[in-house]
Amino acid sequence: MACIDIDSLAQYERDAKEGRADALYNLGLAYSTGQGVSVDMVAAHKWFNLAAVRGVEAAKSWRNQVAAEMLPSQIAEAQKLAREWLNIFK
């Protein structure tokens, strides 16, 4: 996996706000692996969930892998954050 730098991460965030599924997926990868950011499984789950909603099949598998390492309360928080994000950036 290529290292994600700060500039790439910022671009993914901009693209995600425009609804680009690949950017949502790449943010999930960044947060699940700590590429350019600290590892954050709640954030990773959120981004993979949003990418899965946008049709990225690989995001479903990653989301399930991340969820296996999380507490139910963390999964609930990730789902809440995903819903809030969708309300802002449909």
C-alpha atoms as a PDB file:
ATOM      1  CA  MET A   1       0.000   0.000   0.000  1.00  0.00           C
ATOM      2  CA  ALA A   2       1.324   3.408  -0.911  1.00  0.00           C
ATOM      3  CA  CYS A   3       1.886   5.918   1.852  1.00  0.00           C
ATOM      4  CA  ILE A   4      -0.830   8.566   1.949  1.00  0.00           C
ATOM      5  CA  ASP A   5       0.621  12.035   2.498  1.00  0.00           C
ATOM      6  CA  ILE A   6      -1.092  15.062   3.992  1.00  0.00           C
ATOM      7  CA  ASP A   7      -1.796  16.621   0.577  1.00  0.00           C
ATOM      8  CA  SER A   8      -3.426  13.427  -0.682  1.00  0.00           C
ATOM      9  CA  LEU A   9      -5.473  13.152   2.490  1.00  0.00           C
ATOM     10  CA  ALA A  10      -6.718  16.722   2.089  1.00  0.00           C
ATOM     11  CA  GLN A  11      -7.672  15.985  -1.521  1.00  0.00           C
ATOM     12  CA  TYR A  12      -9.544  12.829  -0.469  1.00  0.00           C
ATOM     13  CA  GLU A  13     -11.462  14.891   2.079  1.00  0.00           C
ATOM     14  CA  ARG A  14     -12.419  17.466  -0.572  1.00  0.00           C
ATOM     15  CA  ASP A  15     -13.417  14.727  -3.018  1.00  0.00           C
ATOM     16  CA  ALA A  16     -15.409  12.901  -0.331  1.00  0.00           C
ATOM     17  CA  LYS A  17     -17.487  16.028   0.245  1.00  0.00           C
ATOM     18  CA  GLU A  18     -18.372  15.878  -3.458  1.00  0.00           C
ATOM     19  CA  GLY A  19     -19.560  12.295  -3.025  1.00  0.00           C
ATOM     20  CA  ARG A  20     -16.666  10.512  -4.730  1.00  0.00           C
ATOM     21  CA  ALA A  21     -16.816   6.899  -3.603  1.00  0.00           C
ATOM     22  CA  ASP A  22     -13.103   6.296  -4.209  1.00  0.00           C
ATOM     23  CA  ALA A  23     -12.219   9.157  -1.872  1.00  0.00           C
ATOM     24  CA  LEU A  24     -14.497   7.773   0.845  1.00  0.00           C
ATOM     25  CA  TYR A  25     -12.794   4.393   0.456  1.00  0.00           C
ATOM     26  CA  ASN A  26      -9.303   5.906   0.535  1.00  0.00           C
ATOM     27  CA  LEU A  27     -10.146   7.769   3.741  1.00  0.00           C
ATOM     28  CA  GLY A  28     -11.231   4.463   5.257  1.00  0.00           C
ATOM     29  CA  LEU A  29      -7.918   2.943   4.244  1.00  0.00           C
ATOM     30  CA  ALA A  30      -6.006   5.884   5.702  1.00  0.00           C
ATOM     31  CA  TYR A  31      -7.725   5.709   9.092  1.00  0.00           C
ATOM     32  CA  SER A  32      -7.633   1.911   9.322  1.00  0.00           C
ATOM     33  CA  THR A  33      -3.909   1.715   8.585  1.00  0.00           C
ATOM     34  CA  GLY A  34      -2.621   4.996  10.012  1.00  0.00           C
ATOM     35  CA  GLN A  35      -1.449   6.337   6.654  1.00  0.00           C
ATOM     36  CA  GLY A  36      -1.151  10.111   7.064  1.00  0.00           C
ATOM     37  CA  VAL A  37      -3.322  10.076  10.206  1.00  0.00           C
ATOM     38  CA  SER A  38      -3.493   8.232  13.511  1.00  0.00           C
ATOM     39  CA  VAL A  39      -5.285   4.894  13.402  1.00  0.00           C
ATOM     40  CA  ASP A  40      -8.942   5.531  14.236  1.00  0.00           C
ATOM     41  CA  MET A  41     -11.235   2.540  13.790  1.00  0.00           C
ATOM     42  CA  VAL A  42     -14.393   4.598  14.371  1.00  0.00           C
ATOM     43  CA  ALA A  43     -13.419   6.977  11.563  1.00  0.00           C
ATOM     44  CA  ALA A  44     -12.310   4.068   9.359  1.00  0.00           C
ATOM     45  CA  HIS A  45     -15.656   2.309   9.827  1.00  0.00           C
ATOM     46  CA  LYS A  46     -17.505   5.538   9.036  1.00  0.00           C
ATOM     47  CA  TRP A  47     -15.603   6.093   5.781  1.00  0.00           C
ATOM     48  CA  PHE A  48     -15.852   2.445   4.695  1.00  0.00           C
ATOM     49  CA  ASN A  49     -19.573   2.488   5.475  1.00  0.00           C
ATOM     50  CA  LEU A  50     -20.064   5.610   3.365  1.00  0.00           C
ATOM     51  CA  ALA A  51     -18.026   4.102   0.510  1.00  0.00           C
ATOM     52  CA  ALA A  52     -20.095   0.904   0.708  1.00  0.00           C
ATOM     53  CA  VAL A  53     -23.289   2.961   0.457  1.00  0.00           C
ATOM     54  CA  ARG A  54     -21.822   4.516  -2.704  1.00  0.00           C
ATOM     55  CA  GLY A  55     -21.253   1.051  -4.189  1.00  0.00           C
ATOM     56  CA  VAL A  56     -17.606   0.241  -3.404  1.00  0.00           C
ATOM     57  CA  GLU A  57     -17.699  -3.529  -2.878  1.00  0.00           C
ATOM     58  CA  ALA A  58     -14.230  -3.705  -1.275  1.00  0.00           C
ATOM     59  CA  ALA A  59     -15.383  -1.203   1.351  1.00  0.00           C
ATOM     60  CA  LYS A  60     -17.908  -3.732   2.686  1.00  0.00           C
ATOM     61  CA  SER A  61     -15.161  -6.252   3.407  1.00  0.00           C
ATOM     62  CA  TRP A  62     -12.920  -3.639   5.016  1.00  0.00           C
ATOM     63  CA  ARG A  63     -15.823  -2.335   7.098  1.00  0.00           C
ATOM     64  CA  ASN A  64     -16.491  -5.853   8.380  1.00  0.00           C
ATOM     65  CA  GLN A  65     -12.809  -6.387   9.207  1.00  0.00           C
ATOM     66  CA  VAL A  66     -12.649  -3.111  11.099  1.00  0.00           C
ATOM     67  CA  ALA A  67     -15.919  -3.868  12.916  1.00  0.00           C
ATOM     68  CA  ALA A  68     -14.468  -7.171  14.155  1.00  0.00           C
ATOM     69  CA  GLU A  69     -11.909  -5.131  16.139  1.00  0.00           C
ATOM     70  CA  MET A  70     -14.438  -2.685  17.590  1.00  0.00           C
ATOM     71  CA  LEU A  71     -16.795  -2.613  20.555  1.00  0.00           C
ATOM     72  CA  PRO A  72     -20.530  -2.365  19.801  1.00  0.00           C
ATOM     73  CA  SER A  73     -20.529   1.183  21.195  1.00  0.00           C
ATOM     74  CA  GLN A  74     -17.750   2.150  18.760  1.00  0.00           C
ATOM     75  CA  ILE A  75     -19.683   0.702  15.816  1.00  0.00           C
ATOM     76  CA  ALA A  76     -22.779   2.627  16.920  1.00  0.00           C
ATOM     77  CA  GLU A  77     -20.710   5.827  17.099  1.00  0.00           C
ATOM     78  CA  ALA A  78     -19.286   5.205  13.604  1.00  0.00           C
ATOM     79  CA  GLN A  79     -22.774   4.633  12.205  1.00  0.00           C
ATOM     80  CA  LYS A  80     -24.031   7.813  13.891  1.00  0.00           C
ATOM     81  CA  LEU A  81     -21.143   9.800  12.396  1.00  0.00           C
ATOM     82  CA  ALA A  82     -21.851   8.341   8.938  1.00  0.00           C
ATOM     83  CA  ARG A  83     -25.521   9.356   9.180  1.00  0.00           C
ATOM     84  CA  GLU A  84     -24.552  12.862  10.279  1.00  0.00           C
ATOM     85  CA  TRP A  85     -22.085  13.126   7.390  1.00  0.00           C
ATOM     86  CA  LEU A  86     -24.771  12.042   4.925  1.00  0.00           C
ATOM     87  CA  ASN A  87     -27.126  14.706   6.257  1.00  0.00           C
ATOM     88  CA  ILE A  88     -24.506  17.359   5.513  1.00  0.00           C
ATOM     89  CA  PHE A  89     -22.934  16.010   2.288  1.00  0.00           C
ATOM     90  CA  LYS A  90     -25.663  14.144   0.424  1.00  0.00           C
END
